[in-house]
Amino acid sequence: MSRSLKKGPFVDPRLMEKLLKVRKGEKVIIKTWARHSTISPEMVGFTFGVHNGKDFVPVYIAEDMVGHKLGEFAATTKFIRHGGRMQRDIEAGAQVKDSAKVEAPAAPKK
């Protein structure tokens, strides 16, 4: 459910204070836990360290990110891979191809 247009987008006030203290050209990461904050145009060009529950993920804010939430760009889960027989067959095939590339002698240059 979206936020009321009457209220406007939510930006954490403490985050805005941190943002206003930093100059535009500085290469500093602004750490935040406010994943629910909406990205505003003032944030473009800065790098935020968005907390994902374990560590801070650096997110560089570009112009096309305005209107989205900070949490959208810092995933909280990490995909490892699917297991099973099919996956083992795929990985075995990839290893065979890699070993064939290494063992094949290169063609002599003329």
PDB file of N, CA and C in Angstrom:
ATOM      1  N   MET A   1       0.844  -1.168   0.000  1.00  0.00           N
ATOM      2  CA  MET A   1       0.000   0.000   0.000  1.00  0.00           C
ATOM      3  C   MET A   1       0.893   1.236   0.000  1.00  0.00           C
ATOM      4  N   SER A   2       0.589   2.186  -0.853  1.00  0.00           N
ATOM      5  CA  SER A   2       1.429   3.368  -0.971  1.00  0.00           C
ATOM      6  C   SER A   2       1.049   4.428   0.066  1.00  0.00           C
ATOM      7  N   ARG A   3       1.934   5.358   0.235  1.00  0.00           N
ATOM      8  CA  ARG A   3       1.745   6.445   1.192  1.00  0.00           C
ATOM      9  C   ARG A   3       0.829   7.495   0.589  1.00  0.00           C
ATOM     10  N   SER A   4       0.077   8.177   1.440  1.00  0.00           N
ATOM     11  CA  SER A   4      -0.862   9.205   1.004  1.00  0.00           C
ATOM     12  C   SER A   4      -0.128  10.348   0.302  1.00  0.00           C
ATOM     13  N   LEU A   5      -0.690  10.847  -0.790  1.00  0.00           N
ATOM     14  CA  LEU A   5      -0.089  11.963  -1.503  1.00  0.00           C
ATOM     15  C   LEU A   5      -0.093  13.225  -0.641  1.00  0.00           C
ATOM     16  N   LYS A   6      -1.063  13.320   0.232  1.00  0.00           N
ATOM     17  CA  LYS A   6      -1.154  14.474   1.120  1.00  0.00           C
ATOM     18  C   LYS A   6       0.059  14.543   2.051  1.00  0.00           C
ATOM     19  N   LYS A   7       0.519  13.401   2.506  1.00  0.00           N
ATOM     20  CA  LYS A   7       1.664  13.349   3.424  1.00  0.00           C
ATOM     21  C   LYS A   7       2.993  13.537   2.699  1.00  0.00           C
ATOM     22  N   GLY A   8       3.100  13.072   1.482  1.00  0.00           N
ATOM     23  CA  GLY A   8       4.358  13.154   0.753  1.00  0.00           C
ATOM     24  C   GLY A   8       5.250  11.972   1.061  1.00  0.00           C
ATOM     25  N   PRO A   9       6.393  11.871   0.376  1.00  0.00           N
ATOM     26  CA  PRO A   9       7.293  10.739   0.588  1.00  0.00           C
ATOM     27  C   PRO A   9       7.985  10.831   1.952  1.00  0.00           C
ATOM     28  N   PHE A  10       8.254   9.669   2.552  1.00  0.00           N
ATOM     29  CA  PHE A  10       8.925   9.640   3.848  1.00  0.00           C
ATOM     30  C   PHE A  10      10.422   9.566   3.656  1.00  0.00           C
ATOM     31  N   VAL A  11      11.119  10.508   4.270  1.00  0.00           N
ATOM     32  CA  VAL A  11      12.570  10.467   4.336  1.00  0.00           C
ATOM     33  C   VAL A  11      12.930  10.648   5.801  1.00  0.00           C
ATOM     34  N   ASP A  12      13.731   9.728   6.338  1.00  0.00           N
ATOM     35  CA  ASP A  12      14.106   9.782   7.739  1.00  0.00           C
ATOM     36  C   ASP A  12      14.800  11.111   8.042  1.00  0.00           C
ATOM     37  N   PRO A  13      14.316  11.865   9.036  1.00  0.00           N
ATOM     38  CA  PRO A  13      14.918  13.175   9.330  1.00  0.00           C
ATOM     39  C   PRO A  13      16.389  13.086   9.750  1.00  0.00           C
ATOM     40  N   ARG A  14      16.767  12.024  10.464  1.00  0.00           N
ATOM     41  CA  ARG A  14      18.167  11.873  10.869  1.00  0.00           C
ATOM     42  C   ARG A  14      19.055  11.614   9.658  1.00  0.00           C
ATOM     43  N   LEU A  15      18.510  10.923   8.675  1.00  0.00           N
ATOM     44  CA  LEU A  15      19.255  10.660   7.451  1.00  0.00           C
ATOM     45  C   LEU A  15      19.477  11.959   6.676  1.00  0.00           C
ATOM     46  N   MET A  16      18.471  12.806   6.631  1.00  0.00           N
ATOM     47  CA  MET A  16      18.612  14.094   5.940  1.00  0.00           C
ATOM     48  C   MET A  16      19.635  14.980   6.645  1.00  0.00           C
ATOM     49  N   GLU A  17      19.696  14.924   7.975  1.00  0.00           N
ATOM     50  CA  GLU A  17      20.701  15.692   8.716  1.00  0.00           C
ATOM     51  C   GLU A  17      22.103  15.230   8.330  1.00  0.00           C
ATOM     52  N   LYS A  18      22.302  13.915   8.270  1.00  0.00           N
ATOM     53  CA  LYS A  18      23.604  13.377   7.874  1.00  0.00           C
ATOM     54  C   LYS A  18      23.953  13.805   6.457  1.00  0.00           C
ATOM     55  N   LEU A  19      22.958  13.800   5.589  1.00  0.00           N
ATOM     56  CA  LEU A  19      23.167  14.143   4.180  1.00  0.00           C
ATOM     57  C   LEU A  19      23.567  15.602   4.028  1.00  0.00           C
ATOM     58  N   LEU A  20      22.939  16.490   4.788  1.00  0.00           N
ATOM     59  CA  LEU A  20      23.226  17.912   4.676  1.00  0.00           C
ATOM     60  C   LEU A  20      24.602  18.274   5.242  1.00  0.00           C
ATOM     61  N   LYS A  21      25.159  17.447   6.127  1.00  0.00           N
ATOM     62  CA  LYS A  21      26.478  17.709   6.707  1.00  0.00           C
ATOM     63  C   LYS A  21      27.605  17.354   5.733  1.00  0.00           C
ATOM     64  N   VAL A  22      27.327  16.506   4.764  1.00  0.00           N
ATOM     65  CA  VAL A  22      28.345  16.032   3.825  1.00  0.00           C
ATOM     66  C   VAL A  22      28.331  16.905   2.579  1.00  0.00           C
ATOM     67  N   ARG A  23      29.523  17.248   2.098  1.00  0.00           N
ATOM     68  CA  ARG A  23      29.623  18.022   0.852  1.00  0.00           C
ATOM     69  C   ARG A  23      29.419  17.104  -0.349  1.00  0.00           C
ATOM     70  N   LYS A  24      29.052  17.674  -1.462  1.00  0.00           N
ATOM     71  CA  LYS A  24      28.725  16.907  -2.663  1.00  0.00           C
ATOM     72  C   LYS A  24      29.920  16.105  -3.196  1.00  0.00           C
ATOM     73  N   GLY A  25      31.109  16.651  -3.167  1.00  0.00           N
ATOM     74  CA  GLY A  25      32.266  15.982  -3.763  1.00  0.00           C
ATOM     75  C   GLY A  25      32.954  14.966  -2.869  1.00  0.00           C
ATOM     76  N   GLU A  26      32.598  14.894  -1.594  1.00  0.00           N
ATOM     77  CA  GLU A  26      33.281  13.993  -0.669  1.00  0.00           C
ATOM     78  C   GLU A  26      32.968  12.532  -0.985  1.00  0.00           C
ATOM     79  N   LYS A  27      33.990  11.703  -0.835  1.00  0.00           N
ATOM     80  CA  LYS A  27      33.825  10.264  -1.055  1.00  0.00           C
ATOM     81  C   LYS A  27      33.610   9.581   0.285  1.00  0.00           C
ATOM     82  N   VAL A  28      32.494   9.850   0.923  1.00  0.00           N
ATOM     83  CA  VAL A  28      32.192   9.271   2.222  1.00  0.00           C
ATOM     84  C   VAL A  28      30.908   8.451   2.096  1.00  0.00           C
ATOM     85  N   ILE A  29      30.863   7.339   2.816  1.00  0.00           N
ATOM     86  CA  ILE A  29      29.662   6.502   2.809  1.00  0.00           C
ATOM     87  C   ILE A  29      28.824   6.878   4.017  1.00  0.00           C
ATOM     88  N   ILE A  30      27.583   7.248   3.779  1.00  0.00           N
ATOM     89  CA  ILE A  30      26.657   7.623   4.839  1.00  0.00           C
ATOM     90  C   ILE A  30      25.927   6.365   5.284  1.00  0.00           C
ATOM     91  N   LYS A  31      26.228   5.893   6.497  1.00  0.00           N
ATOM     92  CA  LYS A  31      25.617   4.664   6.996  1.00  0.00           C
ATOM     93  C   LYS A  31      24.206   4.932   7.498  1.00  0.00           C
ATOM     94  N   THR A  32      23.296   4.010   7.186  1.00  0.00           N
ATOM     95  CA  THR A  32      21.919   4.168   7.635  1.00  0.00           C
ATOM     96  C   THR A  32      21.248   2.812   7.815  1.00  0.00           C
ATOM     97  N   TRP A  33      20.318   2.801   8.753  1.00  0.00           N
ATOM     98  CA  TRP A  33      19.460   1.641   8.968  1.00  0.00           C
ATOM     99  C   TRP A  33      18.072   1.917   8.418  1.00  0.00           C
ATOM    100  N   ALA A  34      17.831   3.111   7.895  1.00  0.00           N
ATOM    101  CA  ALA A  34      16.505   3.541   7.441  1.00  0.00           C
ATOM    102  C   ALA A  34      16.243   3.024   6.030  1.00  0.00           C
ATOM    103  N   ARG A  35      15.987   1.730   5.917  1.00  0.00           N
ATOM    104  CA  ARG A  35      15.708   1.108   4.628  1.00  0.00           C
ATOM    105  C   ARG A  35      14.383   1.586   4.044  1.00  0.00           C
ATOM    106  N   HIS A  36      13.491   2.072   4.888  1.00  0.00           N
ATOM    107  CA  HIS A  36      12.158   2.482   4.469  1.00  0.00           C
ATOM    108  C   HIS A  36      12.120   3.913   3.938  1.00  0.00           C
ATOM    109  N   SER A  37      13.244   4.607   3.965  1.00  0.00           N
ATOM    110  CA  SER A  37      13.286   5.985   3.482  1.00  0.00           C
ATOM    111  C   SER A  37      13.224   6.023   1.959  1.00  0.00           C
ATOM    112  N   THR A  38      12.457   6.984   1.450  1.00  0.00           N
ATOM    113  CA  THR A  38      12.344   7.176   0.014  1.00  0.00           C
ATOM    114  C   THR A  38      13.536   7.993  -0.474  1.00  0.00           C
ATOM    115  N   ILE A  39      14.049   7.658  -1.641  1.00  0.00           N
ATOM    116  CA  ILE A  39      15.178   8.387  -2.210  1.00  0.00           C
ATOM    117  C   ILE A  39      14.662   9.680  -2.822  1.00  0.00           C
ATOM    118  N   SER A  40      15.229  10.795  -2.379  1.00  0.00           N
ATOM    119  CA  SER A  40      14.815  12.108  -2.865  1.00  0.00           C
ATOM    120  C   SER A  40      15.882  12.648  -3.822  1.00  0.00           C
ATOM    121  N   PRO A  41      15.555  13.678  -4.605  1.00  0.00           N
ATOM    122  CA  PRO A  41      16.531  14.233  -5.550  1.00  0.00           C
ATOM    123  C   PRO A  41      17.791  14.793  -4.878  1.00  0.00           C
ATOM    124  N   GLU A  42      17.709  15.192  -3.614  1.00  0.00           N
ATOM    125  CA  GLU A  42      18.882  15.711  -2.916  1.00  0.00           C
ATOM    126  C   GLU A  42      19.927  14.634  -2.673  1.00  0.00           C
ATOM    127  N   MET A  43      19.537  13.370  -2.735  1.00  0.00           N
ATOM    128  CA  MET A  43      20.437  12.256  -2.438  1.00  0.00           C
ATOM    129  C   MET A  43      21.255  11.813  -3.644  1.00  0.00           C
ATOM    130  N   VAL A  44      20.947  12.308  -4.822  1.00  0.00           N
ATOM    131  CA  VAL A  44      21.629  11.876  -6.045  1.00  0.00           C
ATOM    132  C   VAL A  44      23.109  12.261  -5.976  1.00  0.00           C
ATOM    133  N   GLY A  45      23.959  11.298  -6.266  1.00  0.00           N
ATOM    134  CA  GLY A  45      25.398  11.529  -6.273  1.00  0.00           C
ATOM    135  C   GLY A  45      26.102  11.103  -5.000  1.00  0.00           C
ATOM    136  N   PHE A  46      25.369  10.710  -3.984  1.00  0.00           N
ATOM    137  CA  PHE A  46      25.958  10.268  -2.726  1.00  0.00           C
ATOM    138  C   PHE A  46      25.943   8.751  -2.643  1.00  0.00           C
ATOM    139  N   THR A  47      26.791   8.206  -1.773  1.00  0.00           N
ATOM    140  CA  THR A  47      26.829   6.765  -1.530  1.00  0.00           C
ATOM    141  C   THR A  47      26.332   6.513  -0.120  1.00  0.00           C
ATOM    142  N   PHE A  48      25.356   5.622   0.005  1.00  0.00           N
ATOM    143  CA  PHE A  48      24.785   5.268   1.293  1.00  0.00           C
ATOM    144  C   PHE A  48      25.170   3.837   1.630  1.00  0.00           C
ATOM    145  N   GLY A  49      25.480   3.601   2.894  1.00  0.00           N
ATOM    146  CA  GLY A  49      25.698   2.251   3.382  1.00  0.00           C
ATOM    147  C   GLY A  49      24.396   1.778   3.996  1.00  0.00           C
ATOM    148  N   VAL A  50      23.614   1.000   3.256  1.00  0.00           N
ATOM    149  CA  VAL A  50      22.296   0.551   3.702  1.00  0.00           C
ATOM    150  C   VAL A  50      22.463  -0.785   4.421  1.00  0.00           C
ATOM    151  N   HIS A  51      21.965  -0.852   5.635  1.00  0.00           N
ATOM    152  CA  HIS A  51      22.118  -2.054   6.459  1.00  0.00           C
ATOM    153  C   HIS A  51      21.168  -3.139   5.974  1.00  0.00           C
ATOM    154  N   ASN A  52      21.680  -4.351   5.790  1.00  0.00           N
ATOM    155  CA  ASN A  52      20.836  -5.442   5.310  1.00  0.00           C
ATOM    156  C   ASN A  52      20.558  -6.471   6.396  1.00  0.00           C
ATOM    157  N   GLY A  53      20.878  -6.137   7.644  1.00  0.00           N
ATOM    158  CA  GLY A  53      20.670  -7.054   8.740  1.00  0.00           C
ATOM    159  C   GLY A  53      21.965  -7.642   9.247  1.00  0.00           C
ATOM    160  N   LYS A  54      23.000  -7.620   8.415  1.00  0.00           N
ATOM    161  CA  LYS A  54      24.295  -8.152   8.812  1.00  0.00           C
ATOM    162  C   LYS A  54      25.399  -7.114   8.641  1.00  0.00           C
ATOM    163  N   ASP A  55      25.444  -6.484   7.483  1.00  0.00           N
ATOM    164  CA  ASP A  55      26.459  -5.473   7.223  1.00  0.00           C
ATOM    165  C   ASP A  55      25.881  -4.365   6.362  1.00  0.00           C
ATOM    166  N   PHE A  56      26.700  -3.366   6.058  1.00  0.00           N
ATOM    167  CA  PHE A  56      26.247  -2.218   5.281  1.00  0.00           C
ATOM    168  C   PHE A  56      26.611  -2.425   3.813  1.00  0.00           C
ATOM    169  N   VAL A  57      25.615  -2.366   2.944  1.00  0.00           N
ATOM    170  CA  VAL A  57      25.814  -2.535   1.508  1.00  0.00           C
ATOM    171  C   VAL A  57      25.944  -1.150   0.888  1.00  0.00           C
ATOM    172  N   PRO A  58      27.064  -0.843   0.214  1.00  0.00           N
ATOM    173  CA  PRO A  58      27.199   0.482  -0.397  1.00  0.00           C
ATOM    174  C   PRO A  58      26.277   0.614  -1.611  1.00  0.00           C
ATOM    175  N   VAL A  59      25.483   1.695  -1.606  1.00  0.00           N
ATOM    176  CA  VAL A  59      24.541   1.957  -2.696  1.00  0.00           C
ATOM    177  C   VAL A  59      24.804   3.369  -3.204  1.00  0.00           C
ATOM    178  N   TYR A  60      25.254   3.480  -4.457  1.00  0.00           N
ATOM    179  CA  TYR A  60      25.455   4.792  -5.072  1.00  0.00           C
ATOM    180  C   TYR A  60      24.129   5.227  -5.680  1.00  0.00           C
ATOM    181  N   ILE A  61      23.662   6.397  -5.313  1.00  0.00           N
ATOM    182  CA  ILE A  61      22.351   6.872  -5.760  1.00  0.00           C
ATOM    183  C   ILE A  61      22.486   7.562  -7.109  1.00  0.00           C
ATOM    184  N   ALA A  62      21.776   7.041  -8.096  1.00  0.00           N
ATOM    185  CA  ALA A  62      21.729   7.618  -9.435  1.00  0.00           C
ATOM    186  C   ALA A  62      20.377   8.313  -9.626  1.00  0.00           C
ATOM    187  N   GLU A  63      20.262   9.031 -10.699  1.00  0.00           N
ATOM    188  CA  GLU A  63      19.071   9.840 -10.943  1.00  0.00           C
ATOM    189  C   GLU A  63      17.805   8.997 -11.134  1.00  0.00           C
ATOM    190  N   ASP A  64      17.943   7.816 -11.717  1.00  0.00           N
ATOM    191  CA  ASP A  64      16.766   6.990 -11.976  1.00  0.00           C
ATOM    192  C   ASP A  64      16.277   6.246 -10.739  1.00  0.00           C
ATOM    193  N   MET A  65      16.969   6.356  -9.612  1.00  0.00           N
ATOM    194  CA  MET A  65      16.546   5.712  -8.365  1.00  0.00           C
ATOM    195  C   MET A  65      15.582   6.573  -7.554  1.00  0.00           C
ATOM    196  N   VAL A  66      15.406   7.820  -7.935  1.00  0.00           N
ATOM    197  CA  VAL A  66      14.550   8.736  -7.171  1.00  0.00           C
ATOM    198  C   VAL A  66      13.123   8.197  -7.142  1.00  0.00           C
ATOM    199  N   GLY A  67      12.539   8.171  -5.940  1.00  0.00           N
ATOM    200  CA  GLY A  67      11.185   7.665  -5.760  1.00  0.00           C
ATOM    201  C   GLY A  67      11.139   6.253  -5.221  1.00  0.00           C
ATOM    202  N   HIS A  68      12.247   5.532  -5.306  1.00  0.00           N
ATOM    203  CA  HIS A  68      12.318   4.181  -4.764  1.00  0.00           C
ATOM    204  C   HIS A  68      12.749   4.237  -3.308  1.00  0.00           C
ATOM    205  N   LYS A  69      12.714   3.096  -2.629  1.00  0.00           N
ATOM    206  CA  LYS A  69      13.154   3.004  -1.244  1.00  0.00           C
ATOM    207  C   LYS A  69      14.620   2.554  -1.202  1.00  0.00           C
ATOM    208  N   LEU A  70      15.344   2.964  -0.168  1.00  0.00           N
ATOM    209  CA  LEU A  70      16.746   2.564  -0.031  1.00  0.00           C
ATOM    210  C   LEU A  70      16.886   1.049   0.108  1.00  0.00           C
ATOM    211  N   GLY A  71      15.948   0.414   0.783  1.00  0.00           N
ATOM    212  CA  GLY A  71      16.018  -1.020   1.028  1.00  0.00           C
ATOM    213  C   GLY A  71      15.898  -1.867  -0.226  1.00  0.00           C
ATOM    214  N   GLU A  72      15.389  -1.301  -1.303  1.00  0.00           N
ATOM    215  CA  GLU A  72      15.244  -2.059  -2.540  1.00  0.00           C
ATOM    216  C   GLU A  72      16.596  -2.418  -3.146  1.00  0.00           C
ATOM    217  N   PHE A  73      17.627  -1.659  -2.809  1.00  0.00           N
ATOM    218  CA  PHE A  73      18.923  -1.831  -3.442  1.00  0.00           C
ATOM    219  C   PHE A  73      19.926  -2.557  -2.547  1.00  0.00           C
ATOM    220  N   ALA A  74      19.470  -3.041  -1.396  1.00  0.00           N
ATOM    221  CA  ALA A  74      20.329  -3.813  -0.499  1.00  0.00           C
ATOM    222  C   ALA A  74      19.569  -5.069  -0.096  1.00  0.00           C
ATOM    223  N   ALA A  75      19.821  -6.158  -0.795  1.00  0.00           N
ATOM    224  CA  ALA A  75      19.093  -7.404  -0.554  1.00  0.00           C
ATOM    225  C   ALA A  75      19.413  -7.953   0.830  1.00  0.00           C
ATOM    226  N   THR A  76      18.398  -8.499   1.496  1.00  0.00           N
ATOM    227  CA  THR A  76      18.584  -9.045   2.838  1.00  0.00           C
ATOM    228  C   THR A  76      18.881 -10.533   2.818  1.00  0.00           C
ATOM    229  N   THR A  77      18.685 -11.179   1.688  1.00  0.00           N
ATOM    230  CA  THR A  77      18.981 -12.600   1.574  1.00  0.00           C
ATOM    231  C   THR A  77      20.022 -12.808   0.478  1.00  0.00           C
ATOM    232  N   LYS A  78      20.785 -13.882   0.591  1.00  0.00           N
ATOM    233  CA  LYS A  78      21.821 -14.180  -0.381  1.00  0.00           C
ATOM    234  C   LYS A  78      21.493 -15.505  -1.046  1.00  0.00           C
ATOM    235  N   PHE A  79      21.352 -15.491  -2.362  1.00  0.00           N
ATOM    236  CA  PHE A  79      21.062 -16.714  -3.103  1.00  0.00           C
ATOM    237  C   PHE A  79      22.351 -17.495  -3.291  1.00  0.00           C
ATOM    238  N   ILE A  80      22.365 -18.729  -2.839  1.00  0.00           N
ATOM    239  CA  ILE A  80      23.537 -19.583  -3.009  1.00  0.00           C
ATOM    240  C   ILE A  80      23.418 -20.311  -4.347  1.00  0.00           C
ATOM    241  N   ARG A  81      22.560 -21.285  -4.442  1.00  0.00           N
ATOM    242  CA  ARG A  81      22.251 -21.991  -5.691  1.00  0.00           C
ATOM    243  C   ARG A  81      21.248 -23.085  -5.364  1.00  0.00           C
ATOM    244  N   HIS A  82      20.596 -23.565  -6.379  1.00  0.00           N
ATOM    245  CA  HIS A  82      19.713 -24.698  -6.210  1.00  0.00           C
ATOM    246  C   HIS A  82      20.556 -25.962  -6.264  1.00  0.00           C
ATOM    247  N   GLY A  83      20.178 -26.948  -5.489  1.00  0.00           N
ATOM    248  CA  GLY A  83      20.928 -28.198  -5.489  1.00  0.00           C
ATOM    249  C   GLY A  83      20.231 -29.228  -6.342  1.00  0.00           C
ATOM    250  N   GLY A  84      20.615 -30.455  -6.172  1.00  0.00           N
ATOM    251  CA  GLY A  84      19.953 -31.540  -6.877  1.00  0.00           C
ATOM    252  C   GLY A  84      20.770 -32.095  -8.008  1.00  0.00           C
ATOM    253  N   ARG A  85      20.185 -33.107  -8.640  1.00  0.00           N
ATOM    254  CA  ARG A  85      20.871 -33.856  -9.676  1.00  0.00           C
ATOM    255  C   ARG A  85      21.138 -33.005 -10.920  1.00  0.00           C
ATOM    256  N   MET A  86      20.152 -32.212 -11.334  1.00  0.00           N
ATOM    257  CA  MET A  86      20.336 -31.384 -12.529  1.00  0.00           C
ATOM    258  C   MET A  86      21.490 -30.402 -12.351  1.00  0.00           C
ATOM    259  N   GLN A  87      21.561 -29.789 -11.203  1.00  0.00           N
ATOM    260  CA  GLN A  87      22.610 -28.807 -10.939  1.00  0.00           C
ATOM    261  C   GLN A  87      23.992 -29.459 -10.977  1.00  0.00           C
ATOM    262  N   ARG A  88      24.113 -30.665 -10.408  1.00  0.00           N
ATOM    263  CA  ARG A  88      25.392 -31.376 -10.433  1.00  0.00           C
ATOM    264  C   ARG A  88      25.803 -31.702 -11.865  1.00  0.00           C
ATOM    265  N   ASP A  89      24.834 -32.113 -12.701  1.00  0.00           N
ATOM    266  CA  ASP A  89      25.135 -32.424 -14.099  1.00  0.00           C
ATOM    267  C   ASP A  89      25.608 -31.179 -14.842  1.00  0.00           C
ATOM    268  N   ILE A  90      24.963 -30.053 -14.590  1.00  0.00           N
ATOM    269  CA  ILE A  90      25.342 -28.796 -15.247  1.00  0.00           C
ATOM    270  C   ILE A  90      26.759 -28.397 -14.841  1.00  0.00           C
ATOM    271  N   GLU A  91      27.060 -28.486 -13.542  1.00  0.00           N
ATOM    272  CA  GLU A  91      28.389 -28.118 -13.062  1.00  0.00           C
ATOM    273  C   GLU A  91      29.456 -29.065 -13.589  1.00  0.00           C
ATOM    274  N   ALA A  92      29.151 -30.365 -13.676  1.00  0.00           N
ATOM    275  CA  ALA A  92      30.104 -31.331 -14.205  1.00  0.00           C
ATOM    276  C   ALA A  92      30.385 -31.048 -15.680  1.00  0.00           C
ATOM    277  N   GLY A  93      29.359 -30.702 -16.431  1.00  0.00           N
ATOM    278  CA  GLY A  93      29.538 -30.365 -17.843  1.00  0.00           C
ATOM    279  C   GLY A  93      30.389 -29.122 -18.021  1.00  0.00           C
ATOM    280  N   ALA A  94      30.206 -28.152 -17.156  1.00  0.00           N
ATOM    281  CA  ALA A  94      31.001 -26.932 -17.229  1.00  0.00           C
ATOM    282  C   ALA A  94      32.460 -27.205 -16.914  1.00  0.00           C
ATOM    283  N   GLN A  95      32.723 -28.090 -15.960  1.00  0.00           N
ATOM    284  CA  GLN A  95      34.096 -28.432 -15.621  1.00  0.00           C
ATOM    285  C   GLN A  95      34.779 -29.179 -16.758  1.00  0.00           C
ATOM    286  N   VAL A  96      34.042 -30.042 -17.447  1.00  0.00           N
ATOM    287  CA  VAL A  96      34.601 -30.783 -18.581  1.00  0.00           C
ATOM    288  C   VAL A  96      34.976 -29.810 -19.698  1.00  0.00           C
ATOM    289  N   LYS A  97      34.120 -28.835 -19.965  1.00  0.00           N
ATOM    290  CA  LYS A  97      34.420 -27.843 -21.007  1.00  0.00           C
ATOM    291  C   LYS A  97      35.654 -27.030 -20.642  1.00  0.00           C
ATOM    292  N   ASP A  98      35.755 -26.621 -19.378  1.00  0.00           N
ATOM    293  CA  ASP A  98      36.908 -25.829 -18.945  1.00  0.00           C
ATOM    294  C   ASP A  98      38.191 -26.625 -19.055  1.00  0.00           C
ATOM    295  N   SER A  99      38.155 -27.896 -18.661  1.00  0.00           N
ATOM    296  CA  SER A  99      39.365 -28.714 -18.728  1.00  0.00           C
ATOM    297  C   SER A  99      39.752 -28.996 -20.178  1.00  0.00           C
ATOM    298  N   ALA A 100      38.771 -29.098 -21.072  1.00  0.00           N
ATOM    299  CA  ALA A 100      39.066 -29.328 -22.483  1.00  0.00           C
ATOM    300  C   ALA A 100      39.738 -28.098 -23.093  1.00  0.00           C
ATOM    301  N   LYS A 101      39.341 -26.921 -22.663  1.00  0.00           N
ATOM    302  CA  LYS A 101      39.954 -25.695 -23.177  1.00  0.00           C
ATOM    303  C   LYS A 101      41.406 -25.592 -22.729  1.00  0.00           C
ATOM    304  N   VAL A 102      41.672 -26.000 -21.517  1.00  0.00           N
ATOM    305  CA  VAL A 102      43.029 -25.916 -20.976  1.00  0.00           C
ATOM    306  C   VAL A 102      43.944 -26.932 -21.642  1.00  0.00           C
ATOM    307  N   GLU A 103      43.453 -28.152 -21.881  1.00  0.00           N
ATOM    308  CA  GLU A 103      44.283 -29.219 -22.435  1.00  0.00           C
ATOM    309  C   GLU A 103      44.526 -29.077 -23.930  1.00  0.00           C
ATOM    310  N   ALA A 104      43.605 -28.444 -24.663  1.00  0.00           N
ATOM    311  CA  ALA A 104      43.764 -28.330 -26.113  1.00  0.00           C
ATOM    312  C   ALA A 104      44.928 -27.373 -26.420  1.00  0.00           C
ATOM    313  N   PRO A 105      45.880 -27.821 -27.272  1.00  0.00           N
ATOM    314  CA  PRO A 105      47.007 -26.944 -27.612  1.00  0.00           C
ATOM    315  C   PRO A 105      46.520 -25.825 -28.546  1.00  0.00           C
ATOM    316  N   ALA A 106      47.153 -24.705 -28.422  1.00  0.00           N
ATOM    317  CA  ALA A 106      46.801 -23.554 -29.246  1.00  0.00           C
ATOM    318  C   ALA A 106      47.343 -23.783 -30.661  1.00  0.00           C
ATOM    319  N   ALA A 107      46.619 -23.295 -31.647  1.00  0.00           N
ATOM    320  CA  ALA A 107      47.045 -23.428 -33.031  1.00  0.00           C
ATOM    321  C   ALA A 107      48.269 -22.537 -33.272  1.00  0.00           C
ATOM    322  N   PRO A 108      49.256 -23.037 -34.019  1.00  0.00           N
ATOM    323  CA  PRO A 108      50.465 -22.215 -34.272  1.00  0.00           C
ATOM    324  C   PRO A 108      50.108 -21.033 -35.170  1.00  0.00           C
ATOM    325  N   LYS A 109      50.749 -19.891 -34.864  1.00  0.00           N
ATOM    326  CA  LYS A 109      50.518 -18.678 -35.663  1.00  0.00           C
ATOM    327  C   LYS A 109      51.406 -18.691 -36.887  1.00  0.00           C
ATOM    328  N   LYS A 110      50.871 -18.226 -37.993  1.00  0.00           N
ATOM    329  CA  LYS A 110      51.637 -18.190 -39.255  1.00  0.00           C
ATOM    330  C   LYS A 110      51.859 -16.771 -39.674  1.00  0.00           C
TER     331      LYS A 110
END
